[in-house]
Amino acid sequence: MNVTARDMRVCQKQILHWFFCFPCPRLACLRTTKSSIFRTWVLDQTREHCTTRNQSQKYIVNKNNKEIGKALTQDLLDKYGQVSFKYPNAELTICSLLDMGFIEEQVVNLFERTSNWDALLAADGLSNISLLITLDLNPVTIIHLLEKCPELLCIKGNLLEKRINGLRKLGLVQGSLHHVVAHCPQVLLIKSKQLENFVHFLRHQCQFTLQQVREILHSSPSIVLQEKANVEYTFQYAYFRMGIQQADIVKTKLFRLTFEEIRCRHIFLERLGLYETPDKKGQTHIVNPKVKDFLGVSEQMFLNKVAKVPVEEFRVFKKLLSREIEEKENEDLSSEEENDESEDDE
C-alpha cells in the first residue's frame, strides 16, 4: 500500500485533534517549544500511523535506514572486535539514530567517541539523545556534548526530562536553553533541587532579580557547577570591595572570569591610579572606567584600551601580586597559630 499525500494530510489533522483534545503531561513541553519541533513531531507520528495500517508495510518509510543500519552495525562490531550477542540491540539503536537525522558518518563518529557503548545502546541513552534533539541541537553538537559529558547517557528514567523542564521553569526559553546546554552540558547533571537551591542563593544572598538570574545562567551556565562559597566570595568582592552593583555585574558577565582575574585587574588599575572604590553614596574623586570596559573584555583589550601598558608589565605585576598575597596569607596563618598558643597558655 502506497502512502499518498492525502493520507498524510488526513492523519496530520487527526493527530492534531488527538493532541489537543487528550492532554498528556509528557508531551506538554511540545506546546511551548518552537513550532518547527512540533511540526516535526506531528510528521513523525503521521508517518508511523500511515506505515502501520498494514503490517506488511510497517517499514515503508524507514526501509533504507533499516538496510543501512544493518550493514553499519556489522561494520562497527567487526571494526572494534565486538560480538553481536553482546550488543543484540545495536542494530535497532543505529536505525533509530538514522531516523533521528544522524547520517552514517555521524553514527560512526558517535560510536568512536563514546567509550561506554553499554550506556549508548541502553534505552535511556537513546531516549536522552532524542531529548537533546528536542532542544534544537544538531547531531554534530550532540556528538560533541556526549564526548565532553558522557554522563548524559547514563541519566536514568525521566530525570533528564525533569531537569530540562526545571530550566524552562526558570524562564530559559528554547533559544536560551539551547545555548546553556550547548556551552555547559554538565548543567543537566545537576539535580533539580540543587538547581533550585542555587537560584534561591543568587536571589536572596546576592540580591539578584529573577530576570538577572536568567541572564547569569545564560551568559555563565558553568556557575552552577561552582561551590556557593566561591560564588559568594566573588560577588562580595565585586560588590563591597569594588562597589559594583548587581545590574553591572550581570551586564559585564562578571562570572565568566575567575576570582583571581577580577582581583588582579582591579588592583592593577588601583595602583595605576585609574580606579577608586566608590563611597557609600557611590561617589569617587576620579572617574572610574566602566566595569564592562575592563572586566567584560579580553586581557589584551583591557591592557590596550584601559590600563594602556605593555603585556610584559602586567605579567610581572601578576607574579608579584601572587607572591604578595601568598606572603600575607602565611602571615595571617602564623598570627592565628600564635593566638591559639597564647590562649592555651592562659
C-alpha atoms as a PDB file:
ATOM      1  CA  MET A   1       0.000   0.000   0.000  1.00  0.00           C
ATOM      2  CA  ASN A   2       1.417   3.381  -1.030  1.00  0.00           C
ATOM      3  CA  VAL A   3       1.126   6.340   1.322  1.00  0.00           C
ATOM      4  CA  THR A   4      -0.377   9.279  -0.559  1.00  0.00           C
ATOM      5  CA  ALA A   5      -0.141  12.991   0.267  1.00  0.00           C
ATOM      6  CA  ARG A   6      -3.878  12.933   1.027  1.00  0.00           C
ATOM      7  CA  ASP A   7      -3.359  10.157   3.592  1.00  0.00           C
ATOM      8  CA  MET A   8      -0.655  12.225   5.252  1.00  0.00           C
ATOM      9  CA  ARG A   9      -2.855  15.345   5.483  1.00  0.00           C
ATOM     10  CA  VAL A  10      -5.806  13.415   6.925  1.00  0.00           C
ATOM     11  CA  CYS A  11      -3.605  11.766   9.552  1.00  0.00           C
ATOM     12  CA  GLN A  12      -1.965  15.070  10.486  1.00  0.00           C
ATOM     13  CA  LYS A  13      -5.369  16.614  11.179  1.00  0.00           C
ATOM     14  CA  GLN A  14      -6.403  13.593  13.238  1.00  0.00           C
ATOM     15  CA  ILE A  15      -3.184  13.646  15.295  1.00  0.00           C
ATOM     16  CA  LEU A  16      -3.536  17.375  15.948  1.00  0.00           C
ATOM     17  CA  HIS A  17      -7.100  16.712  17.136  1.00  0.00           C
ATOM     18  CA  TRP A  18      -5.932  13.931  19.490  1.00  0.00           C
ATOM     19  CA  PHE A  19      -3.058  16.033  20.783  1.00  0.00           C
ATOM     20  CA  PHE A  20      -5.170  18.963  21.919  1.00  0.00           C
ATOM     21  CA  CYS A  21      -8.272  17.026  22.989  1.00  0.00           C
ATOM     22  CA  PHE A  22      -6.490  14.481  25.172  1.00  0.00           C
ATOM     23  CA  PRO A  23      -3.787  16.197  27.305  1.00  0.00           C
ATOM     24  CA  CYS A  24      -0.626  14.239  28.000  1.00  0.00           C
ATOM     25  CA  PRO A  25       1.823  15.648  30.591  1.00  0.00           C
ATOM     26  CA  ARG A  26       4.838  14.114  28.871  1.00  0.00           C
ATOM     27  CA  LEU A  27       4.033  15.952  25.632  1.00  0.00           C
ATOM     28  CA  ALA A  28       3.041  19.255  27.219  1.00  0.00           C
ATOM     29  CA  CYS A  29       6.509  20.687  26.619  1.00  0.00           C
ATOM     30  CA  LEU A  30       5.924  20.452  22.858  1.00  0.00           C
ATOM     31  CA  ARG A  31       3.318  23.205  23.079  1.00  0.00           C
ATOM     32  CA  THR A  32       5.903  25.604  24.466  1.00  0.00           C
ATOM     33  CA  THR A  33       8.771  24.738  22.121  1.00  0.00           C
ATOM     34  CA  LYS A  34       9.445  26.048  18.638  1.00  0.00           C
ATOM     35  CA  SER A  35       6.741  25.305  16.112  1.00  0.00           C
ATOM     36  CA  SER A  36       9.298  23.553  13.880  1.00  0.00           C
ATOM     37  CA  ILE A  37       9.813  20.894  16.559  1.00  0.00           C
ATOM     38  CA  PHE A  38       6.083  20.401  16.883  1.00  0.00           C
ATOM     39  CA  ARG A  39       5.679  20.088  13.110  1.00  0.00           C
ATOM     40  CA  THR A  40       8.487  17.507  13.047  1.00  0.00           C
ATOM     41  CA  TRP A  41       6.813  15.533  15.804  1.00  0.00           C
ATOM     42  CA  VAL A  42       3.462  15.587  14.001  1.00  0.00           C
ATOM     43  CA  LEU A  43       5.113  14.479  10.764  1.00  0.00           C
ATOM     44  CA  ASP A  44       6.864  11.600  12.537  1.00  0.00           C
ATOM     45  CA  GLN A  45       3.609  10.468  14.153  1.00  0.00           C
ATOM     46  CA  THR A  46       1.835  10.736  10.801  1.00  0.00           C
ATOM     47  CA  ARG A  47       4.416   8.560   9.088  1.00  0.00           C
ATOM     48  CA  GLU A  48       4.238   5.983  11.843  1.00  0.00           C
ATOM     49  CA  HIS A  49       0.433   5.939  11.693  1.00  0.00           C
ATOM     50  CA  CYS A  50       0.340   5.630   7.907  1.00  0.00           C
ATOM     51  CA  THR A  51       3.002   2.947   7.705  1.00  0.00           C
ATOM     52  CA  THR A  52       1.476   0.753  10.399  1.00  0.00           C
ATOM     53  CA  ARG A  53      -2.003   0.499   8.813  1.00  0.00           C
ATOM     54  CA  ASN A  54      -0.814  -2.638   7.111  1.00  0.00           C
ATOM     55  CA  GLN A  55       1.621  -4.889   8.977  1.00  0.00           C
ATOM     56  CA  SER A  56       3.403  -5.862   5.789  1.00  0.00           C
ATOM     57  CA  GLN A  57       4.130  -2.177   5.073  1.00  0.00           C
ATOM     58  CA  LYS A  58       5.414  -1.358   8.595  1.00  0.00           C
ATOM     59  CA  TYR A  59       8.849  -0.187   7.489  1.00  0.00           C
ATOM     60  CA  ILE A  60       7.872   1.503   4.236  1.00  0.00           C
ATOM     61  CA  VAL A  61       9.237   4.917   5.306  1.00  0.00           C
ATOM     62  CA  ASN A  62      12.380   3.684   7.075  1.00  0.00           C
ATOM     63  CA  LYS A  63      13.271   0.803   4.750  1.00  0.00           C
ATOM     64  CA  ASN A  64      16.526   2.422   3.603  1.00  0.00           C
ATOM     65  CA  ASN A  65      17.563   3.244   7.172  1.00  0.00           C
ATOM     66  CA  LYS A  66      16.926  -0.356   8.202  1.00  0.00           C
ATOM     67  CA  GLU A  67      19.185  -1.688   5.454  1.00  0.00           C
ATOM     68  CA  ILE A  68      21.892   0.909   6.129  1.00  0.00           C
ATOM     69  CA  GLY A  69      21.648   0.273   9.865  1.00  0.00           C
ATOM     70  CA  LYS A  70      22.155  -3.456   9.465  1.00  0.00           C
ATOM     71  CA  ALA A  71      25.310  -3.014   7.366  1.00  0.00           C
ATOM     72  CA  LEU A  72      26.617  -0.232   9.609  1.00  0.00           C
ATOM     73  CA  THR A  73      26.092  -2.335  12.737  1.00  0.00           C
ATOM     74  CA  GLN A  74      28.123  -5.207  11.351  1.00  0.00           C
ATOM     75  CA  ASP A  75      30.925  -2.850  10.246  1.00  0.00           C
ATOM     76  CA  LEU A  76      31.153  -1.285  13.719  1.00  0.00           C
ATOM     77  CA  LEU A  77      31.110  -4.638  15.510  1.00  0.00           C
ATOM     78  CA  ASP A  78      33.792  -6.024  13.191  1.00  0.00           C
ATOM     79  CA  LYS A  79      35.937  -2.903  13.462  1.00  0.00           C
ATOM     80  CA  TYR A  80      36.009  -2.913  17.244  1.00  0.00           C
ATOM     81  CA  GLY A  81      36.129  -6.663  17.681  1.00  0.00           C
ATOM     82  CA  GLN A  82      32.712  -6.818  19.339  1.00  0.00           C
ATOM     83  CA  VAL A  83      30.338  -9.754  19.013  1.00  0.00           C
ATOM     84  CA  SER A  84      26.699  -9.356  18.088  1.00  0.00           C
ATOM     85  CA  PHE A  85      25.302 -11.289  21.073  1.00  0.00           C
ATOM     86  CA  LYS A  86      26.997  -8.801  23.452  1.00  0.00           C
ATOM     87  CA  TYR A  87      25.051  -5.926  21.871  1.00  0.00           C
ATOM     88  CA  PRO A  88      21.862  -7.505  20.487  1.00  0.00           C
ATOM     89  CA  ASN A  89      20.071  -4.154  20.230  1.00  0.00           C
ATOM     90  CA  ALA A  90      22.888  -2.370  18.377  1.00  0.00           C
ATOM     91  CA  GLU A  91      21.104  -2.520  15.023  1.00  0.00           C
ATOM     92  CA  LEU A  92      17.869  -1.112  16.468  1.00  0.00           C
ATOM     93  CA  THR A  93      19.789   1.754  18.118  1.00  0.00           C
ATOM     94  CA  ILE A  94      21.662   2.615  14.926  1.00  0.00           C
ATOM     95  CA  CYS A  95      18.450   2.564  12.870  1.00  0.00           C
ATOM     96  CA  SER A  96      16.837   4.866  15.447  1.00  0.00           C
ATOM     97  CA  LEU A  97      19.780   7.281  15.227  1.00  0.00           C
ATOM     98  CA  LEU A  98      19.431   7.358  11.444  1.00  0.00           C
ATOM     99  CA  ASP A  99      15.698   8.063  11.852  1.00  0.00           C
ATOM    100  CA  MET A 100      16.550  10.961  14.188  1.00  0.00           C
ATOM    101  CA  GLY A 101      18.593  12.634  11.467  1.00  0.00           C
ATOM    102  CA  PHE A 102      22.112  11.286  12.004  1.00  0.00           C
ATOM    103  CA  ILE A 103      23.945  10.354   8.811  1.00  0.00           C
ATOM    104  CA  GLU A 104      26.184   7.259   8.565  1.00  0.00           C
ATOM    105  CA  GLU A 105      29.390   9.199   9.189  1.00  0.00           C
ATOM    106  CA  GLN A 106      27.915  10.832  12.292  1.00  0.00           C
ATOM    107  CA  VAL A 107      26.728   7.487  13.694  1.00  0.00           C
ATOM    108  CA  VAL A 108      30.228   6.045  13.283  1.00  0.00           C
ATOM    109  CA  ASN A 109      31.680   9.207  14.834  1.00  0.00           C
ATOM    110  CA  LEU A 110      29.326   8.887  17.808  1.00  0.00           C
ATOM    111  CA  PHE A 111      30.383   5.291  18.491  1.00  0.00           C
ATOM    112  CA  GLU A 112      34.077   6.112  18.031  1.00  0.00           C
ATOM    113  CA  ARG A 113      33.933   8.972  20.533  1.00  0.00           C
ATOM    114  CA  THR A 114      31.793   7.126  23.069  1.00  0.00           C
ATOM    115  CA  SER A 115      33.781   4.872  25.358  1.00  0.00           C
ATOM    116  CA  ASN A 116      30.695   3.478  27.101  1.00  0.00           C
ATOM    117  CA  TRP A 117      28.779   1.508  24.451  1.00  0.00           C
ATOM    118  CA  ASP A 118      26.588  -0.043  27.134  1.00  0.00           C
ATOM    119  CA  ALA A 119      25.177   3.389  28.021  1.00  0.00           C
ATOM    120  CA  LEU A 120      24.821   4.442  24.382  1.00  0.00           C
ATOM    121  CA  LEU A 121      22.933   1.279  23.439  1.00  0.00           C
ATOM    122  CA  ALA A 122      20.724   1.298  26.522  1.00  0.00           C
ATOM    123  CA  ALA A 123      17.139   2.539  26.305  1.00  0.00           C
ATOM    124  CA  ASP A 124      17.925   5.548  28.500  1.00  0.00           C
ATOM    125  CA  GLY A 125      20.852   6.523  26.280  1.00  0.00           C
ATOM    126  CA  LEU A 126      18.738   6.612  23.132  1.00  0.00           C
ATOM    127  CA  SER A 127      15.914   8.391  24.952  1.00  0.00           C
ATOM    128  CA  ASN A 128      18.311  11.054  26.254  1.00  0.00           C
ATOM    129  CA  ILE A 129      19.673  11.678  22.755  1.00  0.00           C
ATOM    130  CA  SER A 130      16.121  12.206  21.473  1.00  0.00           C
ATOM    131  CA  LEU A 131      15.523  14.735  24.287  1.00  0.00           C
ATOM    132  CA  LEU A 132      18.646  16.653  23.257  1.00  0.00           C
ATOM    133  CA  ILE A 133      17.290  16.804  19.707  1.00  0.00           C
ATOM    134  CA  THR A 134      14.112  18.498  21.004  1.00  0.00           C
ATOM    135  CA  LEU A 135      16.388  21.335  22.201  1.00  0.00           C
ATOM    136  CA  ASP A 136      17.284  22.070  18.555  1.00  0.00           C
ATOM    137  CA  LEU A 137      20.735  20.530  18.994  1.00  0.00           C
ATOM    138  CA  ASN A 138      22.025  19.063  15.732  1.00  0.00           C
ATOM    139  CA  PRO A 139      23.828  15.694  15.543  1.00  0.00           C
ATOM    140  CA  VAL A 140      27.299  17.276  15.347  1.00  0.00           C
ATOM    141  CA  THR A 141      26.667  19.291  18.530  1.00  0.00           C
ATOM    142  CA  ILE A 142      25.195  16.261  20.305  1.00  0.00           C
ATOM    143  CA  ILE A 143      28.274  14.164  19.474  1.00  0.00           C
ATOM    144  CA  HIS A 144      30.488  16.933  20.866  1.00  0.00           C
ATOM    145  CA  LEU A 145      28.370  17.190  24.035  1.00  0.00           C
ATOM    146  CA  LEU A 146      28.420  13.443  24.664  1.00  0.00           C
ATOM    147  CA  GLU A 147      32.178  13.353  24.188  1.00  0.00           C
ATOM    148  CA  LYS A 148      32.527  16.277  26.613  1.00  0.00           C
ATOM    149  CA  CYS A 149      29.953  14.930  29.071  1.00  0.00           C
ATOM    150  CA  PRO A 150      29.329  11.164  28.540  1.00  0.00           C
ATOM    151  CA  GLU A 151      27.415  11.043  31.840  1.00  0.00           C
ATOM    152  CA  LEU A 152      24.394  12.418  29.957  1.00  0.00           C
ATOM    153  CA  LEU A 153      23.852   8.951  28.506  1.00  0.00           C
ATOM    154  CA  CYS A 154      23.676   7.381  31.963  1.00  0.00           C
ATOM    155  CA  ILE A 155      20.922   9.541  33.479  1.00  0.00           C
ATOM    156  CA  LYS A 156      18.113   7.159  34.367  1.00  0.00           C
ATOM    157  CA  GLY A 157      14.425   7.254  33.544  1.00  0.00           C
ATOM    158  CA  ASN A 158      12.784  10.634  33.073  1.00  0.00           C
ATOM    159  CA  LEU A 159      15.316  12.554  35.204  1.00  0.00           C
ATOM    160  CA  LEU A 160      16.797  14.344  32.187  1.00  0.00           C
ATOM    161  CA  GLU A 161      13.342  15.479  31.094  1.00  0.00           C
ATOM    162  CA  LYS A 162      12.632  16.784  34.617  1.00  0.00           C
ATOM    163  CA  ARG A 163      15.891  18.727  34.681  1.00  0.00           C
ATOM    164  CA  ILE A 164      15.198  20.283  31.283  1.00  0.00           C
ATOM    165  CA  ASN A 165      11.721  21.265  32.464  1.00  0.00           C
ATOM    166  CA  GLY A 166      13.288  22.717  35.618  1.00  0.00           C
ATOM    167  CA  LEU A 167      15.420  25.025  33.470  1.00  0.00           C
ATOM    168  CA  ARG A 168      12.339  26.000  31.467  1.00  0.00           C
ATOM    169  CA  LYS A 169      10.512  26.933  34.675  1.00  0.00           C
ATOM    170  CA  LEU A 170      13.259  29.456  35.376  1.00  0.00           C
ATOM    171  CA  GLY A 171      12.300  31.193  32.144  1.00  0.00           C
ATOM    172  CA  LEU A 172      15.018  29.795  29.895  1.00  0.00           C
ATOM    173  CA  VAL A 173      13.101  29.580  26.615  1.00  0.00           C
ATOM    174  CA  GLN A 174      14.161  27.361  23.732  1.00  0.00           C
ATOM    175  CA  GLY A 175      16.938  29.595  22.366  1.00  0.00           C
ATOM    176  CA  SER A 176      18.446  30.253  25.794  1.00  0.00           C
ATOM    177  CA  LEU A 177      18.102  26.612  26.804  1.00  0.00           C
ATOM    178  CA  HIS A 178      19.877  25.542  23.615  1.00  0.00           C
ATOM    179  CA  HIS A 179      22.710  27.980  24.387  1.00  0.00           C
ATOM    180  CA  VAL A 180      23.070  26.861  28.026  1.00  0.00           C
ATOM    181  CA  VAL A 181      23.187  23.129  27.232  1.00  0.00           C
ATOM    182  CA  ALA A 182      25.482  23.590  24.208  1.00  0.00           C
ATOM    183  CA  HIS A 183      28.031  25.568  26.255  1.00  0.00           C
ATOM    184  CA  CYS A 184      27.764  23.646  29.518  1.00  0.00           C
ATOM    185  CA  PRO A 185      26.112  20.211  29.167  1.00  0.00           C
ATOM    186  CA  GLN A 186      27.110  19.444  32.784  1.00  0.00           C
ATOM    187  CA  VAL A 187      24.231  21.685  33.872  1.00  0.00           C
ATOM    188  CA  LEU A 188      21.934  18.734  33.096  1.00  0.00           C
ATOM    189  CA  LEU A 189      23.790  16.638  35.656  1.00  0.00           C
ATOM    190  CA  ILE A 190      22.697  18.998  38.435  1.00  0.00           C
ATOM    191  CA  LYS A 191      19.739  17.705  40.440  1.00  0.00           C
ATOM    192  CA  SER A 192      16.560  19.783  40.215  1.00  0.00           C
ATOM    193  CA  LYS A 193      16.578  20.512  43.947  1.00  0.00           C
ATOM    194  CA  GLN A 194      20.226  21.533  43.821  1.00  0.00           C
ATOM    195  CA  LEU A 195      19.482  23.967  40.981  1.00  0.00           C
ATOM    196  CA  GLU A 196      16.534  25.426  42.898  1.00  0.00           C
ATOM    197  CA  ASN A 197      18.743  25.970  45.949  1.00  0.00           C
ATOM    198  CA  PHE A 198      21.389  27.696  43.818  1.00  0.00           C
ATOM    199  CA  VAL A 199      18.814  30.031  42.279  1.00  0.00           C
ATOM    200  CA  HIS A 200      17.471  30.778  45.777  1.00  0.00           C
ATOM    201  CA  PHE A 201      21.036  31.606  46.863  1.00  0.00           C
ATOM    202  CA  LEU A 202      21.546  34.055  43.957  1.00  0.00           C
ATOM    203  CA  ARG A 203      18.220  35.752  44.622  1.00  0.00           C
ATOM    204  CA  HIS A 204      18.405  36.062  48.398  1.00  0.00           C
ATOM    205  CA  GLN A 205      22.097  36.047  49.306  1.00  0.00           C
ATOM    206  CA  CYS A 206      23.272  38.122  46.345  1.00  0.00           C
ATOM    207  CA  GLN A 207      20.008  40.044  45.820  1.00  0.00           C
ATOM    208  CA  PHE A 208      19.719  39.376  42.077  1.00  0.00           C
ATOM    209  CA  THR A 209      16.274  39.587  40.490  1.00  0.00           C
ATOM    210  CA  LEU A 210      14.820  36.544  38.721  1.00  0.00           C
ATOM    211  CA  GLN A 211      15.479  38.170  35.344  1.00  0.00           C
ATOM    212  CA  GLN A 212      19.102  38.815  36.345  1.00  0.00           C
ATOM    213  CA  VAL A 213      19.445  35.179  37.446  1.00  0.00           C
ATOM    214  CA  ARG A 214      18.226  34.097  33.985  1.00  0.00           C
ATOM    215  CA  GLU A 215      20.827  36.316  32.332  1.00  0.00           C
ATOM    216  CA  ILE A 216      23.580  34.945  34.587  1.00  0.00           C
ATOM    217  CA  LEU A 217      22.625  31.346  33.764  1.00  0.00           C
ATOM    218  CA  HIS A 218      22.524  32.223  30.051  1.00  0.00           C
ATOM    219  CA  SER A 219      25.899  34.006  29.960  1.00  0.00           C
ATOM    220  CA  SER A 220      27.739  31.901  32.563  1.00  0.00           C
ATOM    221  CA  PRO A 221      25.998  28.497  32.853  1.00  0.00           C
ATOM    222  CA  SER A 222      29.051  26.875  34.460  1.00  0.00           C
ATOM    223  CA  ILE A 223      28.409  28.973  37.582  1.00  0.00           C
ATOM    224  CA  VAL A 224      26.028  26.256  38.822  1.00  0.00           C
ATOM    225  CA  LEU A 225      28.982  23.841  38.987  1.00  0.00           C
ATOM    226  CA  GLN A 226      30.888  26.065  41.422  1.00  0.00           C
ATOM    227  CA  GLU A 227      30.750  25.990  45.200  1.00  0.00           C
ATOM    228  CA  LYS A 228      28.342  28.560  46.624  1.00  0.00           C
ATOM    229  CA  ALA A 229      31.073  29.863  48.934  1.00  0.00           C
ATOM    230  CA  ASN A 230      33.318  30.700  45.948  1.00  0.00           C
ATOM    231  CA  VAL A 231      30.491  32.406  44.055  1.00  0.00           C
ATOM    232  CA  GLU A 232      29.532  34.403  47.157  1.00  0.00           C
ATOM    233  CA  TYR A 233      33.155  35.452  47.737  1.00  0.00           C
ATOM    234  CA  THR A 234      33.464  36.678  44.144  1.00  0.00           C
ATOM    235  CA  PHE A 235      30.171  38.565  44.440  1.00  0.00           C
ATOM    236  CA  GLN A 236      31.122  40.184  47.760  1.00  0.00           C
ATOM    237  CA  TYR A 237      34.495  41.274  46.383  1.00  0.00           C
ATOM    238  CA  ALA A 238      32.842  42.905  43.367  1.00  0.00           C
ATOM    239  CA  TYR A 239      30.006  44.431  45.411  1.00  0.00           C
ATOM    240  CA  PHE A 240      31.821  45.659  48.542  1.00  0.00           C
ATOM    241  CA  ARG A 241      35.466  45.997  47.504  1.00  0.00           C
ATOM    242  CA  MET A 242      34.876  47.367  44.008  1.00  0.00           C
ATOM    243  CA  GLY A 243      31.476  48.969  44.518  1.00  0.00           C
ATOM    244  CA  ILE A 244      29.815  47.250  41.529  1.00  0.00           C
ATOM    245  CA  GLN A 245      26.024  46.953  41.634  1.00  0.00           C
ATOM    246  CA  GLN A 246      24.065  43.841  40.613  1.00  0.00           C
ATOM    247  CA  ALA A 247      22.947  45.310  37.286  1.00  0.00           C
ATOM    248  CA  ASP A 248      26.561  45.984  36.232  1.00  0.00           C
ATOM    249  CA  ILE A 249      27.679  42.550  37.434  1.00  0.00           C
ATOM    250  CA  VAL A 250      25.104  40.970  35.106  1.00  0.00           C
ATOM    251  CA  LYS A 251      25.774  43.343  32.211  1.00  0.00           C
ATOM    252  CA  THR A 252      29.519  42.725  32.456  1.00  0.00           C
ATOM    253  CA  LYS A 253      29.054  38.921  32.581  1.00  0.00           C
ATOM    254  CA  LEU A 254      31.394  39.025  35.568  1.00  0.00           C
ATOM    255  CA  PHE A 255      31.095  35.333  36.445  1.00  0.00           C
ATOM    256  CA  ARG A 256      32.813  34.347  33.215  1.00  0.00           C
ATOM    257  CA  LEU A 257      36.085  35.451  34.831  1.00  0.00           C
ATOM    258  CA  THR A 258      37.823  33.699  37.688  1.00  0.00           C
ATOM    259  CA  PHE A 259      38.102  35.492  41.013  1.00  0.00           C
ATOM    260  CA  GLU A 260      41.885  35.808  40.514  1.00  0.00           C
ATOM    261  CA  GLU A 261      41.403  37.570  37.146  1.00  0.00           C
ATOM    262  CA  ILE A 262      38.885  40.012  38.624  1.00  0.00           C
ATOM    263  CA  ARG A 263      41.064  40.843  41.621  1.00  0.00           C
ATOM    264  CA  CYS A 264      44.226  41.191  39.528  1.00  0.00           C
ATOM    265  CA  ARG A 265      42.730  43.646  37.026  1.00  0.00           C
ATOM    266  CA  HIS A 266      41.072  45.648  39.795  1.00  0.00           C
ATOM    267  CA  ILE A 267      44.194  46.027  41.974  1.00  0.00           C
ATOM    268  CA  PHE A 268      46.333  46.764  38.901  1.00  0.00           C
ATOM    269  CA  LEU A 269      44.084  49.709  37.980  1.00  0.00           C
ATOM    270  CA  GLU A 270      44.020  50.865  41.607  1.00  0.00           C
ATOM    271  CA  ARG A 271      47.802  51.027  41.784  1.00  0.00           C
ATOM    272  CA  LEU A 272      47.934  52.846  38.476  1.00  0.00           C
ATOM    273  CA  GLY A 273      45.563  55.421  39.992  1.00  0.00           C
ATOM    274  CA  LEU A 274      42.860  54.594  37.454  1.00  0.00           C
ATOM    275  CA  TYR A 275      40.249  53.091  39.796  1.00  0.00           C
ATOM    276  CA  GLU A 276      38.819  54.071  43.161  1.00  0.00           C
ATOM    277  CA  THR A 277      36.247  52.275  45.305  1.00  0.00           C
ATOM    278  CA  PRO A 278      33.075  54.419  45.466  1.00  0.00           C
ATOM    279  CA  ASP A 279      31.971  55.659  48.902  1.00  0.00           C
ATOM    280  CA  LYS A 280      28.581  54.887  50.457  1.00  0.00           C
ATOM    281  CA  LYS A 281      26.960  57.453  48.178  1.00  0.00           C
ATOM    282  CA  GLY A 282      28.579  55.918  45.112  1.00  0.00           C
ATOM    283  CA  GLN A 283      30.926  58.873  44.585  1.00  0.00           C
ATOM    284  CA  THR A 284      34.653  58.877  43.718  1.00  0.00           C
ATOM    285  CA  HIS A 285      37.385  61.512  43.390  1.00  0.00           C
ATOM    286  CA  ILE A 286      38.292  60.227  39.949  1.00  0.00           C
ATOM    287  CA  VAL A 287      36.262  58.993  37.015  1.00  0.00           C
ATOM    288  CA  ASN A 288      36.405  55.199  37.113  1.00  0.00           C
ATOM    289  CA  PRO A 289      36.407  53.305  33.805  1.00  0.00           C
ATOM    290  CA  LYS A 290      33.181  51.469  33.040  1.00  0.00           C
ATOM    291  CA  VAL A 291      33.155  47.992  34.508  1.00  0.00           C
ATOM    292  CA  LYS A 292      32.365  46.374  31.158  1.00  0.00           C
ATOM    293  CA  ASP A 293      35.420  48.070  29.655  1.00  0.00           C
ATOM    294  CA  PHE A 294      37.919  46.335  31.940  1.00  0.00           C
ATOM    295  CA  LEU A 295      36.127  43.174  33.101  1.00  0.00           C
ATOM    296  CA  GLY A 296      33.911  42.418  30.109  1.00  0.00           C
ATOM    297  CA  VAL A 297      36.771  42.314  27.597  1.00  0.00           C
ATOM    298  CA  SER A 298      39.806  40.189  26.796  1.00  0.00           C
ATOM    299  CA  GLU A 299      43.076  40.778  28.644  1.00  0.00           C
ATOM    300  CA  GLN A 300      44.656  42.253  25.515  1.00  0.00           C
ATOM    301  CA  MET A 301      41.850  44.796  25.094  1.00  0.00           C
ATOM    302  CA  PHE A 302      41.970  45.604  28.820  1.00  0.00           C
ATOM    303  CA  LEU A 303      45.665  46.449  28.550  1.00  0.00           C
ATOM    304  CA  ASN A 304      45.343  48.376  25.280  1.00  0.00           C
ATOM    305  CA  LYS A 305      42.202  50.422  25.973  1.00  0.00           C
ATOM    306  CA  VAL A 306      42.071  50.889  29.754  1.00  0.00           C
ATOM    307  CA  ALA A 307      45.371  50.210  31.519  1.00  0.00           C
ATOM    308  CA  LYS A 308      47.413  51.283  28.472  1.00  0.00           C
ATOM    309  CA  VAL A 309      50.522  49.354  29.491  1.00  0.00           C
ATOM    310  CA  PRO A 310      52.599  46.642  27.780  1.00  0.00           C
ATOM    311  CA  VAL A 311      51.664  42.991  28.247  1.00  0.00           C
ATOM    312  CA  GLU A 312      55.003  42.227  29.891  1.00  0.00           C
ATOM    313  CA  GLU A 313      54.431  44.804  32.616  1.00  0.00           C
ATOM    314  CA  PHE A 314      51.098  43.206  33.514  1.00  0.00           C
ATOM    315  CA  ARG A 315      52.655  39.733  33.583  1.00  0.00           C
ATOM    316  CA  VAL A 316      55.329  40.907  36.030  1.00  0.00           C
ATOM    317  CA  PHE A 317      52.619  42.537  38.171  1.00  0.00           C
ATOM    318  CA  LYS A 318      50.604  39.295  38.320  1.00  0.00           C
ATOM    319  CA  LYS A 319      53.624  37.366  39.566  1.00  0.00           C
ATOM    320  CA  LEU A 320      54.422  39.995  42.207  1.00  0.00           C
ATOM    321  CA  LEU A 321      50.796  40.196  43.326  1.00  0.00           C
ATOM    322  CA  SER A 322      50.576  36.426  43.630  1.00  0.00           C
ATOM    323  CA  ARG A 323      53.694  36.383  45.802  1.00  0.00           C
ATOM    324  CA  GLU A 324      52.399  39.294  47.881  1.00  0.00           C
ATOM    325  CA  ILE A 325      49.047  37.570  48.543  1.00  0.00           C
ATOM    326  CA  GLU A 326      50.780  34.294  49.422  1.00  0.00           C
ATOM    327  CA  GLU A 327      53.068  36.025  51.929  1.00  0.00           C
ATOM    328  CA  LYS A 328      50.112  37.828  53.505  1.00  0.00           C
ATOM    329  CA  GLU A 329      48.172  34.573  53.852  1.00  0.00           C
ATOM    330  CA  ASN A 330      51.186  32.934  55.524  1.00  0.00           C
ATOM    331  CA  GLU A 331      51.497  35.861  57.931  1.00  0.00           C
ATOM    332  CA  ASP A 332      47.802  35.642  58.808  1.00  0.00           C
ATOM    333  CA  LEU A 333      48.145  31.907  59.376  1.00  0.00           C
ATOM    334  CA  SER A 334      51.166  32.389  61.650  1.00  0.00           C
ATOM    335  CA  SER A 335      49.326  35.089  63.578  1.00  0.00           C
ATOM    336  CA  GLU A 336      46.338  32.796  64.127  1.00  0.00           C
ATOM    337  CA  GLU A 337      48.602  30.000  65.378  1.00  0.00           C
ATOM    338  CA  GLU A 338      50.299  32.358  67.835  1.00  0.00           C
ATOM    339  CA  ASN A 339      46.916  33.498  69.151  1.00  0.00           C
ATOM    340  CA  ASP A 340      45.819  29.880  69.621  1.00  0.00           C
ATOM    341  CA  GLU A 341      49.019  29.096  71.551  1.00  0.00           C
ATOM    342  CA  SER A 342      48.603  32.132  73.824  1.00  0.00           C
ATOM    343  CA  GLU A 343      45.001  31.117  74.584  1.00  0.00           C
ATOM    344  CA  ASP A 344      46.157  27.593  75.501  1.00  0.00           C
ATOM    345  CA  ASP A 345      48.816  29.008  77.883  1.00  0.00           C
ATOM    346  CA  GLU A 346      46.160  31.054  79.689  1.00  0.00           C
END
